[in-house]
N, C-alpha and C. Protein backbone atom coordinates (compact mmCIF):
# COMPACT_ATOMS: atom_id res chain seq x y z
N UNK A 1 0.84 -1.18 0.00
CA UNK A 1 0.00 0.00 0.00
C UNK A 1 0.89 1.25 0.00
N UNK A 2 0.56 2.18 -0.87
CA UNK A 2 1.34 3.40 -0.96
C UNK A 2 1.09 4.28 0.26
N UNK A 3 1.98 5.23 0.49
CA UNK A 3 1.84 6.16 1.60
C UNK A 3 0.57 6.99 1.46
N UNK A 4 0.26 7.42 0.22
CA UNK A 4 -0.97 8.21 0.00
C UNK A 4 -2.21 7.38 0.35
N UNK A 5 -2.23 6.12 -0.07
CA UNK A 5 -3.38 5.27 0.26
C UNK A 5 -3.52 5.06 1.76
N UNK A 6 -2.38 4.88 2.44
CA UNK A 6 -2.41 4.73 3.90
C UNK A 6 -2.95 5.98 4.56
N UNK A 7 -2.47 7.17 4.12
CA UNK A 7 -2.94 8.43 4.69
C UNK A 7 -4.44 8.60 4.47
N UNK A 8 -4.92 8.27 3.30
CA UNK A 8 -6.34 8.41 2.97
C UNK A 8 -7.17 7.47 3.83
N UNK A 9 -6.74 6.22 3.94
CA UNK A 9 -7.49 5.25 4.75
C UNK A 9 -7.53 5.69 6.21
N UNK A 10 -6.41 6.16 6.71
CA UNK A 10 -6.35 6.62 8.10
C UNK A 10 -7.23 7.85 8.32
N UNK A 11 -7.20 8.79 7.38
CA UNK A 11 -8.04 10.00 7.48
C UNK A 11 -9.53 9.63 7.47
N UNK A 12 -9.91 8.67 6.63
CA UNK A 12 -11.31 8.22 6.58
C UNK A 12 -11.72 7.62 7.92
N UNK A 13 -10.81 6.88 8.55
CA UNK A 13 -11.11 6.32 9.88
C UNK A 13 -11.29 7.43 10.90
N UNK A 14 -10.44 8.46 10.86
CA UNK A 14 -10.58 9.57 11.80
C UNK A 14 -11.95 10.22 11.68
N UNK A 15 -12.37 10.51 10.44
CA UNK A 15 -13.64 11.23 10.31
C UNK A 15 -14.85 10.34 10.53
N UNK A 16 -14.75 9.06 10.16
CA UNK A 16 -15.91 8.18 10.30
C UNK A 16 -16.13 7.65 11.72
N UNK A 17 -15.05 7.47 12.46
CA UNK A 17 -15.19 6.77 13.74
C UNK A 17 -14.75 7.57 14.97
N UNK A 18 -14.11 8.72 14.78
CA UNK A 18 -13.55 9.43 15.94
C UNK A 18 -13.88 10.91 15.98
N UNK A 19 -14.89 11.35 15.21
CA UNK A 19 -15.21 12.78 15.14
C UNK A 19 -13.98 13.60 14.79
N UNK A 20 -13.11 13.03 13.97
CA UNK A 20 -11.84 13.65 13.64
C UNK A 20 -11.95 14.84 12.70
N UNK A 21 -10.93 15.67 12.76
CA UNK A 21 -10.76 16.80 11.85
C UNK A 21 -9.45 16.57 11.11
N UNK A 22 -9.52 16.65 9.79
CA UNK A 22 -8.35 16.39 8.96
C UNK A 22 -8.07 17.60 8.07
N UNK A 23 -6.86 17.65 7.54
CA UNK A 23 -6.49 18.64 6.53
C UNK A 23 -6.09 17.87 5.28
N UNK A 24 -6.52 18.37 4.12
CA UNK A 24 -6.27 17.66 2.88
C UNK A 24 -6.22 18.65 1.72
N UNK A 25 -5.49 18.30 0.65
CA UNK A 25 -5.39 19.20 -0.49
C UNK A 25 -6.67 19.17 -1.32
N UNK A 26 -7.05 20.34 -1.84
CA UNK A 26 -8.19 20.45 -2.74
C UNK A 26 -7.69 21.03 -4.07
N UNK A 27 -8.61 21.50 -4.87
CA UNK A 27 -8.26 22.02 -6.19
C UNK A 27 -7.31 23.21 -6.13
N UNK A 28 -7.44 24.06 -5.10
CA UNK A 28 -6.62 25.28 -5.05
C UNK A 28 -5.87 25.49 -3.73
N UNK A 29 -6.42 25.01 -2.63
CA UNK A 29 -5.83 25.24 -1.31
C UNK A 29 -6.00 23.98 -0.45
N UNK A 30 -5.39 24.00 0.72
CA UNK A 30 -5.65 22.94 1.69
C UNK A 30 -7.00 23.20 2.34
N UNK A 31 -7.73 22.12 2.61
CA UNK A 31 -9.01 22.23 3.28
C UNK A 31 -8.98 21.55 4.63
N UNK A 32 -9.86 22.00 5.51
CA UNK A 32 -10.12 21.29 6.77
C UNK A 32 -11.44 20.57 6.59
N UNK A 33 -11.52 19.36 7.13
CA UNK A 33 -12.75 18.60 6.95
C UNK A 33 -13.04 17.66 8.09
N UNK A 34 -14.29 17.21 8.09
CA UNK A 34 -14.77 16.21 9.04
C UNK A 34 -15.99 15.55 8.38
N UNK A 35 -16.58 14.61 9.08
CA UNK A 35 -17.81 14.00 8.58
C UNK A 35 -18.93 15.03 8.70
N UNK A 36 -19.81 15.16 7.70
CA UNK A 36 -20.85 16.19 7.74
C UNK A 36 -21.87 16.03 8.86
N UNK A 37 -21.94 14.84 9.46
CA UNK A 37 -22.91 14.62 10.53
C UNK A 37 -22.25 14.61 11.91
N UNK A 38 -20.99 14.99 11.98
CA UNK A 38 -20.28 15.03 13.25
C UNK A 38 -20.36 16.44 13.85
N UNK A 39 -21.26 16.63 14.79
CA UNK A 39 -21.38 17.93 15.45
C UNK A 39 -20.06 18.32 16.13
N UNK A 40 -19.40 17.34 16.74
CA UNK A 40 -18.13 17.63 17.40
C UNK A 40 -17.08 18.06 16.38
N UNK A 41 -17.01 17.36 15.24
CA UNK A 41 -16.07 17.73 14.20
C UNK A 41 -16.34 19.12 13.66
N UNK A 42 -17.62 19.43 13.42
CA UNK A 42 -17.99 20.76 12.93
C UNK A 42 -17.60 21.84 13.93
N UNK A 43 -17.88 21.59 15.21
CA UNK A 43 -17.53 22.58 16.24
C UNK A 43 -16.01 22.77 16.31
N UNK A 44 -15.27 21.67 16.20
CA UNK A 44 -13.81 21.77 16.25
C UNK A 44 -13.27 22.61 15.10
N UNK A 45 -13.81 22.40 13.89
CA UNK A 45 -13.35 23.19 12.74
C UNK A 45 -13.61 24.67 12.98
N UNK A 46 -14.80 24.99 13.46
CA UNK A 46 -15.13 26.40 13.72
C UNK A 46 -14.19 26.99 14.76
N UNK A 47 -13.85 26.22 15.79
CA UNK A 47 -12.92 26.70 16.82
C UNK A 47 -11.51 26.87 16.27
N UNK A 48 -11.05 25.89 15.49
CA UNK A 48 -9.71 25.95 14.92
C UNK A 48 -9.55 27.18 14.03
N UNK A 49 -10.55 27.44 13.22
CA UNK A 49 -10.49 28.57 12.28
C UNK A 49 -10.87 29.90 12.93
N UNK A 50 -11.49 29.83 14.11
CA UNK A 50 -12.07 31.02 14.73
C UNK A 50 -13.10 31.63 13.77
N UNK A 51 -13.94 30.74 13.23
CA UNK A 51 -14.90 31.10 12.19
C UNK A 51 -16.30 31.23 12.79
N UNK A 52 -17.03 32.22 12.36
CA UNK A 52 -18.41 32.42 12.76
C UNK A 52 -19.26 31.31 12.15
N UNK A 53 -20.03 30.58 12.97
CA UNK A 53 -20.82 29.45 12.49
C UNK A 53 -21.84 29.89 11.45
N UNK A 54 -22.25 31.15 11.49
CA UNK A 54 -23.29 31.63 10.57
C UNK A 54 -22.83 31.65 9.11
N UNK A 55 -21.53 31.62 8.88
CA UNK A 55 -21.01 31.64 7.51
C UNK A 55 -21.24 30.32 6.78
N UNK A 56 -21.28 29.22 7.51
CA UNK A 56 -21.46 27.91 6.90
C UNK A 56 -20.18 27.39 6.26
N UNK A 57 -20.24 26.14 5.86
CA UNK A 57 -19.13 25.47 5.19
C UNK A 57 -19.73 24.70 4.03
N UNK A 58 -18.91 23.99 3.29
CA UNK A 58 -19.45 23.24 2.16
C UNK A 58 -19.09 21.78 2.25
N UNK A 59 -19.69 21.00 1.36
CA UNK A 59 -19.37 19.58 1.24
C UNK A 59 -18.65 19.35 -0.07
N UNK A 60 -17.65 18.47 -0.03
CA UNK A 60 -17.04 17.96 -1.25
C UNK A 60 -17.38 16.48 -1.32
N UNK A 61 -17.51 15.98 -2.54
CA UNK A 61 -17.84 14.57 -2.74
C UNK A 61 -17.19 14.10 -4.03
N UNK A 62 -17.14 12.79 -4.20
CA UNK A 62 -16.57 12.24 -5.44
C UNK A 62 -17.65 11.97 -6.48
N UNK A 63 -18.91 11.92 -6.03
CA UNK A 63 -20.02 11.64 -6.95
C UNK A 63 -21.32 12.20 -6.37
N UNK A 64 -22.29 12.39 -7.22
CA UNK A 64 -23.58 12.95 -6.82
C UNK A 64 -24.28 12.06 -5.79
N UNK A 65 -24.15 10.77 -5.93
CA UNK A 65 -24.84 9.85 -5.01
C UNK A 65 -24.48 10.10 -3.55
N UNK A 66 -23.26 10.54 -3.30
CA UNK A 66 -22.83 10.79 -1.92
C UNK A 66 -23.56 11.97 -1.28
N UNK A 67 -24.03 12.92 -2.07
CA UNK A 67 -24.65 14.12 -1.50
C UNK A 67 -26.18 14.09 -1.50
N UNK A 68 -26.78 13.14 -2.17
CA UNK A 68 -28.25 13.07 -2.25
C UNK A 68 -28.91 13.10 -0.87
N UNK A 69 -28.39 12.43 0.16
CA UNK A 69 -29.06 12.48 1.47
C UNK A 69 -29.15 13.88 2.09
N UNK A 70 -28.36 14.81 1.60
CA UNK A 70 -28.32 16.15 2.19
C UNK A 70 -29.18 17.17 1.43
N UNK A 71 -29.78 16.72 0.32
CA UNK A 71 -30.56 17.59 -0.55
C UNK A 71 -32.04 17.23 -0.44
N UNK A 72 -32.91 18.25 -0.42
CA UNK A 72 -34.35 17.99 -0.35
C UNK A 72 -34.84 17.32 -1.63
N UNK A 73 -36.03 16.74 -1.54
CA UNK A 73 -36.63 16.12 -2.72
C UNK A 73 -36.78 17.15 -3.84
N UNK A 74 -37.17 18.37 -3.48
CA UNK A 74 -37.30 19.43 -4.48
C UNK A 74 -35.96 19.73 -5.14
N UNK A 75 -34.89 19.63 -4.38
CA UNK A 75 -33.56 19.91 -4.91
C UNK A 75 -33.04 18.85 -5.84
N UNK A 76 -33.59 17.65 -5.78
CA UNK A 76 -33.11 16.57 -6.64
C UNK A 76 -33.28 16.89 -8.12
N UNK A 77 -34.27 17.72 -8.45
CA UNK A 77 -34.48 18.10 -9.85
C UNK A 77 -33.37 19.02 -10.37
N UNK A 78 -32.53 19.52 -9.48
CA UNK A 78 -31.46 20.44 -9.87
C UNK A 78 -30.10 19.77 -9.99
N UNK A 79 -30.07 18.45 -9.86
CA UNK A 79 -28.78 17.74 -9.85
C UNK A 79 -28.04 17.79 -11.18
N UNK A 80 -28.72 18.16 -12.27
CA UNK A 80 -28.03 18.27 -13.55
C UNK A 80 -26.94 19.33 -13.52
N UNK A 81 -26.99 20.24 -12.54
CA UNK A 81 -25.95 21.26 -12.44
C UNK A 81 -24.56 20.63 -12.33
N UNK A 82 -24.49 19.45 -11.73
CA UNK A 82 -23.18 18.81 -11.55
C UNK A 82 -22.58 18.29 -12.85
N UNK A 83 -23.41 18.21 -13.90
CA UNK A 83 -22.91 17.76 -15.20
C UNK A 83 -22.22 18.90 -15.96
N UNK A 84 -22.45 20.12 -15.51
CA UNK A 84 -21.89 21.29 -16.19
C UNK A 84 -20.39 21.38 -15.94
N UNK A 85 -19.63 21.60 -17.00
CA UNK A 85 -18.18 21.75 -16.88
C UNK A 85 -17.78 23.09 -17.49
N UNK A 86 -17.32 23.99 -16.67
CA UNK A 86 -16.89 25.31 -17.15
C UNK A 86 -15.37 25.43 -17.16
N UNK A 87 -14.69 24.33 -16.84
CA UNK A 87 -13.23 24.36 -16.85
C UNK A 87 -12.61 24.79 -15.54
N UNK A 88 -13.42 25.02 -14.53
CA UNK A 88 -12.94 25.38 -13.20
C UNK A 88 -13.91 24.80 -12.17
N UNK A 89 -13.47 24.66 -10.92
CA UNK A 89 -14.34 24.06 -9.91
C UNK A 89 -15.53 24.97 -9.58
N UNK A 90 -16.69 24.33 -9.43
CA UNK A 90 -17.91 25.06 -9.07
C UNK A 90 -18.54 24.42 -7.85
N UNK A 91 -18.88 25.25 -6.89
CA UNK A 91 -19.65 24.83 -5.73
C UNK A 91 -21.09 25.28 -5.99
N UNK A 92 -22.01 24.33 -5.91
CA UNK A 92 -23.42 24.60 -6.19
C UNK A 92 -24.21 24.71 -4.90
N UNK A 93 -25.15 25.62 -4.86
CA UNK A 93 -26.06 25.76 -3.73
C UNK A 93 -27.36 25.05 -4.08
N UNK A 94 -27.78 24.14 -3.19
CA UNK A 94 -28.98 23.35 -3.39
C UNK A 94 -29.83 23.36 -2.12
N UNK A 95 -31.14 23.14 -2.26
CA UNK A 95 -32.01 23.09 -1.08
C UNK A 95 -31.55 21.98 -0.12
N UNK A 96 -31.48 22.31 1.16
CA UNK A 96 -30.90 21.40 2.16
C UNK A 96 -31.98 20.71 2.98
N UNK A 97 -31.74 19.46 3.29
CA UNK A 97 -32.63 18.71 4.19
C UNK A 97 -32.63 19.35 5.57
N UNK A 98 -33.75 19.28 6.25
CA UNK A 98 -33.92 19.98 7.54
C UNK A 98 -33.04 19.39 8.65
N UNK A 99 -32.64 18.15 8.55
CA UNK A 99 -31.83 17.54 9.62
C UNK A 99 -30.38 17.99 9.60
N UNK A 100 -29.92 18.62 8.52
CA UNK A 100 -28.52 19.00 8.40
C UNK A 100 -28.20 20.11 9.40
N UNK A 101 -27.11 19.95 10.09
CA UNK A 101 -26.71 20.88 11.16
C UNK A 101 -26.51 22.30 10.64
N UNK A 102 -27.03 23.28 11.39
CA UNK A 102 -26.74 24.67 11.03
C UNK A 102 -25.25 25.01 11.19
N UNK A 103 -24.49 24.19 11.91
CA UNK A 103 -23.04 24.40 11.97
C UNK A 103 -22.42 24.19 10.59
N UNK A 104 -23.07 23.38 9.75
CA UNK A 104 -22.60 23.15 8.39
C UNK A 104 -23.16 24.19 7.42
N UNK A 105 -24.44 24.49 7.51
CA UNK A 105 -25.06 25.40 6.55
C UNK A 105 -25.01 26.85 6.97
N UNK A 106 -24.71 27.11 8.23
CA UNK A 106 -24.75 28.48 8.73
C UNK A 106 -26.20 28.96 8.73
N UNK A 107 -26.41 30.20 8.42
CA UNK A 107 -27.76 30.75 8.38
C UNK A 107 -28.37 30.67 6.98
N UNK A 108 -27.72 29.93 6.10
CA UNK A 108 -28.16 29.85 4.71
C UNK A 108 -29.26 28.80 4.53
N UNK A 109 -30.22 29.05 3.64
CA UNK A 109 -31.31 28.10 3.40
C UNK A 109 -30.90 26.96 2.47
N UNK A 110 -29.69 27.01 1.93
CA UNK A 110 -29.22 25.99 1.00
C UNK A 110 -27.88 25.45 1.48
N UNK A 111 -27.51 24.30 0.91
CA UNK A 111 -26.22 23.70 1.24
C UNK A 111 -25.28 23.84 0.05
N UNK A 112 -24.03 24.13 0.32
CA UNK A 112 -23.01 24.30 -0.71
C UNK A 112 -22.31 22.96 -0.95
N UNK A 113 -22.28 22.53 -2.23
CA UNK A 113 -21.74 21.21 -2.57
C UNK A 113 -20.88 21.31 -3.82
N UNK A 114 -19.71 20.65 -3.77
CA UNK A 114 -18.85 20.54 -4.94
C UNK A 114 -18.49 19.08 -5.18
N UNK A 115 -18.69 18.63 -6.41
CA UNK A 115 -18.19 17.31 -6.79
C UNK A 115 -16.77 17.56 -7.29
N UNK A 116 -15.81 17.00 -6.60
CA UNK A 116 -14.40 17.31 -6.85
C UNK A 116 -13.77 16.34 -7.84
N UNK A 117 -12.87 16.88 -8.63
CA UNK A 117 -12.05 16.05 -9.52
C UNK A 117 -10.64 15.86 -8.96
N UNK A 118 -10.36 16.45 -7.79
CA UNK A 118 -9.03 16.29 -7.21
C UNK A 118 -8.87 14.84 -6.76
N UNK A 119 -7.79 14.16 -7.16
CA UNK A 119 -7.66 12.73 -6.86
C UNK A 119 -7.66 12.39 -5.37
N UNK A 120 -7.08 13.24 -4.54
CA UNK A 120 -7.07 12.96 -3.10
C UNK A 120 -8.48 13.12 -2.53
N UNK A 121 -9.18 14.18 -2.92
CA UNK A 121 -10.54 14.39 -2.43
C UNK A 121 -11.43 13.23 -2.87
N UNK A 122 -11.33 12.84 -4.13
CA UNK A 122 -12.15 11.73 -4.64
C UNK A 122 -11.85 10.44 -3.85
N UNK A 123 -10.58 10.12 -3.67
CA UNK A 123 -10.20 8.90 -2.95
C UNK A 123 -10.65 8.96 -1.49
N UNK A 124 -10.53 10.12 -0.88
CA UNK A 124 -10.94 10.28 0.52
C UNK A 124 -12.44 10.07 0.67
N UNK A 125 -13.23 10.70 -0.20
CA UNK A 125 -14.68 10.54 -0.14
C UNK A 125 -15.09 9.10 -0.44
N UNK A 126 -14.44 8.47 -1.41
CA UNK A 126 -14.76 7.07 -1.73
C UNK A 126 -14.39 6.14 -0.59
N UNK A 127 -13.24 6.37 0.03
CA UNK A 127 -12.81 5.52 1.14
C UNK A 127 -13.71 5.71 2.35
N UNK A 128 -14.11 6.95 2.62
CA UNK A 128 -15.01 7.25 3.74
C UNK A 128 -16.46 6.90 3.40
N UNK A 129 -16.74 6.68 2.10
CA UNK A 129 -18.09 6.42 1.62
C UNK A 129 -19.04 7.54 2.04
N UNK A 130 -18.55 8.77 1.91
CA UNK A 130 -19.30 9.92 2.39
C UNK A 130 -18.75 11.20 1.78
N UNK A 131 -19.59 12.23 1.66
CA UNK A 131 -19.02 13.54 1.37
C UNK A 131 -18.25 14.00 2.60
N UNK A 132 -17.44 15.02 2.44
CA UNK A 132 -16.62 15.53 3.54
C UNK A 132 -16.80 17.03 3.61
N UNK A 133 -16.86 17.54 4.81
CA UNK A 133 -16.91 18.99 5.01
C UNK A 133 -15.63 19.58 4.46
N UNK A 134 -15.76 20.75 3.85
CA UNK A 134 -14.58 21.42 3.32
C UNK A 134 -14.66 22.91 3.60
N UNK A 135 -13.61 23.42 4.18
CA UNK A 135 -13.43 24.86 4.37
C UNK A 135 -11.93 25.09 4.33
N UNK A 136 -11.52 26.23 3.85
CA UNK A 136 -10.09 26.46 3.67
C UNK A 136 -9.33 26.35 4.98
N UNK A 137 -8.12 25.82 4.88
CA UNK A 137 -7.25 25.66 6.05
C UNK A 137 -6.57 26.99 6.33
N UNK A 138 -7.19 27.77 7.19
CA UNK A 138 -6.64 29.05 7.63
C UNK A 138 -7.45 29.53 8.83
N UNK A 139 -6.85 30.36 9.61
CA UNK A 139 -7.58 31.00 10.70
C UNK A 139 -8.29 32.21 10.11
N UNK A 140 -9.38 32.63 10.73
CA UNK A 140 -10.18 33.75 10.23
C UNK A 140 -9.29 34.95 9.93
N UNK A 141 -9.45 35.51 8.74
CA UNK A 141 -8.69 36.70 8.36
C UNK A 141 -7.32 36.42 7.77
N UNK A 142 -6.87 35.16 7.80
CA UNK A 142 -5.55 34.83 7.25
C UNK A 142 -5.70 34.17 5.89
N UNK A 143 -4.62 34.14 5.15
CA UNK A 143 -4.58 33.56 3.82
C UNK A 143 -4.67 32.02 3.91
N UNK A 144 -5.46 31.38 3.04
CA UNK A 144 -5.52 29.91 3.03
C UNK A 144 -4.15 29.31 2.69
N UNK A 145 -3.87 28.17 3.28
CA UNK A 145 -2.58 27.51 3.07
C UNK A 145 -2.65 26.56 1.88
N UNK A 146 -1.51 26.37 1.24
CA UNK A 146 -1.45 25.54 0.04
C UNK A 146 -0.49 24.35 0.17
N UNK A 147 0.18 24.22 1.32
CA UNK A 147 1.15 23.14 1.49
C UNK A 147 0.99 22.50 2.86
N UNK A 148 1.24 21.20 2.90
CA UNK A 148 1.08 20.44 4.14
C UNK A 148 1.95 20.98 5.26
N UNK A 149 3.18 21.37 4.96
CA UNK A 149 4.07 21.86 6.02
C UNK A 149 3.54 23.15 6.65
N UNK A 150 2.86 23.99 5.87
CA UNK A 150 2.25 25.21 6.42
C UNK A 150 1.14 24.86 7.40
N UNK A 151 0.30 23.90 7.00
CA UNK A 151 -0.80 23.47 7.87
C UNK A 151 -0.24 22.87 9.15
N UNK A 152 0.79 22.04 9.01
CA UNK A 152 1.40 21.40 10.19
C UNK A 152 1.96 22.45 11.15
N UNK A 153 2.62 23.48 10.61
CA UNK A 153 3.23 24.51 11.45
C UNK A 153 2.19 25.35 12.17
N UNK A 154 1.07 25.64 11.52
CA UNK A 154 0.09 26.55 12.11
C UNK A 154 -1.06 25.86 12.82
N UNK A 155 -1.38 24.63 12.42
CA UNK A 155 -2.56 23.97 12.97
C UNK A 155 -2.32 22.53 13.41
N UNK A 156 -1.09 22.08 13.30
CA UNK A 156 -0.78 20.68 13.53
C UNK A 156 -1.26 20.11 14.85
N UNK A 157 -1.24 20.92 15.91
CA UNK A 157 -1.67 20.42 17.22
C UNK A 157 -3.19 20.39 17.36
N UNK A 158 -3.90 21.05 16.45
CA UNK A 158 -5.36 21.16 16.56
C UNK A 158 -6.11 20.14 15.73
N UNK A 159 -5.43 19.50 14.77
CA UNK A 159 -6.11 18.56 13.89
C UNK A 159 -5.54 17.16 14.05
N UNK A 160 -6.32 16.19 13.60
CA UNK A 160 -5.95 14.79 13.83
C UNK A 160 -5.01 14.23 12.77
N UNK A 161 -5.14 14.71 11.53
CA UNK A 161 -4.27 14.19 10.48
C UNK A 161 -4.19 15.18 9.33
N UNK A 162 -3.03 15.24 8.72
CA UNK A 162 -2.79 16.04 7.53
C UNK A 162 -2.39 15.08 6.41
N UNK A 163 -3.13 15.11 5.31
CA UNK A 163 -2.75 14.31 4.14
C UNK A 163 -1.77 15.15 3.33
N UNK A 164 -0.54 14.68 3.25
CA UNK A 164 0.51 15.41 2.55
C UNK A 164 0.47 15.05 1.07
N UNK A 165 0.01 16.00 0.26
CA UNK A 165 -0.05 15.83 -1.19
C UNK A 165 -0.21 17.21 -1.80
N UNK A 166 -0.16 17.28 -3.10
CA UNK A 166 -0.22 18.57 -3.79
C UNK A 166 -1.65 19.05 -3.99
N UNK A 167 -1.84 20.35 -3.85
CA UNK A 167 -3.12 20.94 -4.22
C UNK A 167 -3.21 20.93 -5.74
N UNK A 168 -4.42 21.14 -6.25
CA UNK A 168 -4.61 21.17 -7.70
C UNK A 168 -4.00 22.39 -8.34
N UNK A 169 -4.22 22.54 -9.62
CA UNK A 169 -3.58 23.60 -10.39
C UNK A 169 -4.37 24.91 -10.43
N UNK A 170 -5.50 24.96 -9.74
CA UNK A 170 -6.30 26.18 -9.76
C UNK A 170 -5.76 27.20 -8.77
N UNK A 171 -5.79 28.46 -9.16
CA UNK A 171 -5.19 29.50 -8.33
C UNK A 171 -6.18 30.19 -7.40
N UNK A 172 -7.47 29.90 -7.57
CA UNK A 172 -8.48 30.56 -6.75
C UNK A 172 -9.51 29.54 -6.28
N UNK A 173 -10.21 29.85 -5.19
CA UNK A 173 -11.29 28.97 -4.74
C UNK A 173 -12.38 28.84 -5.79
N UNK A 174 -13.20 27.84 -5.65
CA UNK A 174 -14.26 27.55 -6.63
C UNK A 174 -15.25 28.71 -6.75
N UNK A 175 -15.90 28.74 -7.90
CA UNK A 175 -17.05 29.63 -8.07
C UNK A 175 -18.18 29.08 -7.20
N UNK A 176 -19.10 29.93 -6.78
CA UNK A 176 -20.29 29.49 -6.04
C UNK A 176 -21.50 29.98 -6.82
N UNK A 177 -22.36 29.03 -7.20
CA UNK A 177 -23.53 29.33 -8.02
C UNK A 177 -24.77 28.68 -7.42
N UNK A 178 -25.86 29.40 -7.35
CA UNK A 178 -27.13 28.86 -6.90
C UNK A 178 -27.70 28.01 -8.04
N UNK A 179 -27.91 26.73 -7.80
CA UNK A 179 -28.37 25.82 -8.85
C UNK A 179 -29.77 26.16 -9.35
N UNK A 180 -30.60 26.68 -8.46
CA UNK A 180 -31.98 27.00 -8.83
C UNK A 180 -32.08 28.28 -9.66
N UNK A 181 -31.41 29.33 -9.22
CA UNK A 181 -31.54 30.64 -9.87
C UNK A 181 -30.41 30.95 -10.84
N UNK A 182 -29.34 30.17 -10.80
CA UNK A 182 -28.13 30.40 -11.59
C UNK A 182 -27.41 31.70 -11.19
N UNK A 183 -27.74 32.23 -10.02
CA UNK A 183 -27.07 33.43 -9.51
C UNK A 183 -25.64 33.07 -9.10
N UNK A 184 -24.69 33.84 -9.57
CA UNK A 184 -23.28 33.62 -9.22
C UNK A 184 -22.99 34.42 -7.96
N UNK A 185 -22.72 33.72 -6.86
CA UNK A 185 -22.41 34.38 -5.60
C UNK A 185 -20.92 34.68 -5.46
N UNK A 186 -20.08 33.83 -6.08
CA UNK A 186 -18.64 34.08 -6.13
C UNK A 186 -18.15 33.62 -7.50
N UNK A 187 -17.66 34.56 -8.28
CA UNK A 187 -17.18 34.24 -9.61
C UNK A 187 -15.80 33.59 -9.51
N UNK A 188 -15.44 32.83 -10.54
CA UNK A 188 -14.10 32.25 -10.56
C UNK A 188 -13.14 33.20 -11.19
């Protein structure tokens, strides 16, 4: 087993069985994540980042099937948005199921979801058999980190595991688009 596979399997165990918080590379920056149904994990991320819970966080997944439990029946008709390819990562806003923690959605009526093409994110979600919470690895007001050693130096004592691998080739965070209205909340 390669070192990357070992790190991914171990990270999936942390989030699935121990309310763990992990750091992992995404398309543009390092992300902090936990299982989307772990209240303890969500609270830990907010504390680590010193982030206001009202801002919300997003989910990353390797496939649409992983996020269906978090979307309302009405929102299922909007899943074609994930087939759209604009050449850059897009986070879509979809109607959220009522059971989803406000620590994840913040004060927003929708949930933010990205189907990732990053190989580490895909492998992590597939190994965990779940979408994963994603928010940039940085403390409030600071620049997001792009390398494992930066995360280790600034947050290493606060998180359970860091997957050491390269971030993707994108220079900016994903666009954010409302799937229902096609309103662009954050352009790429």
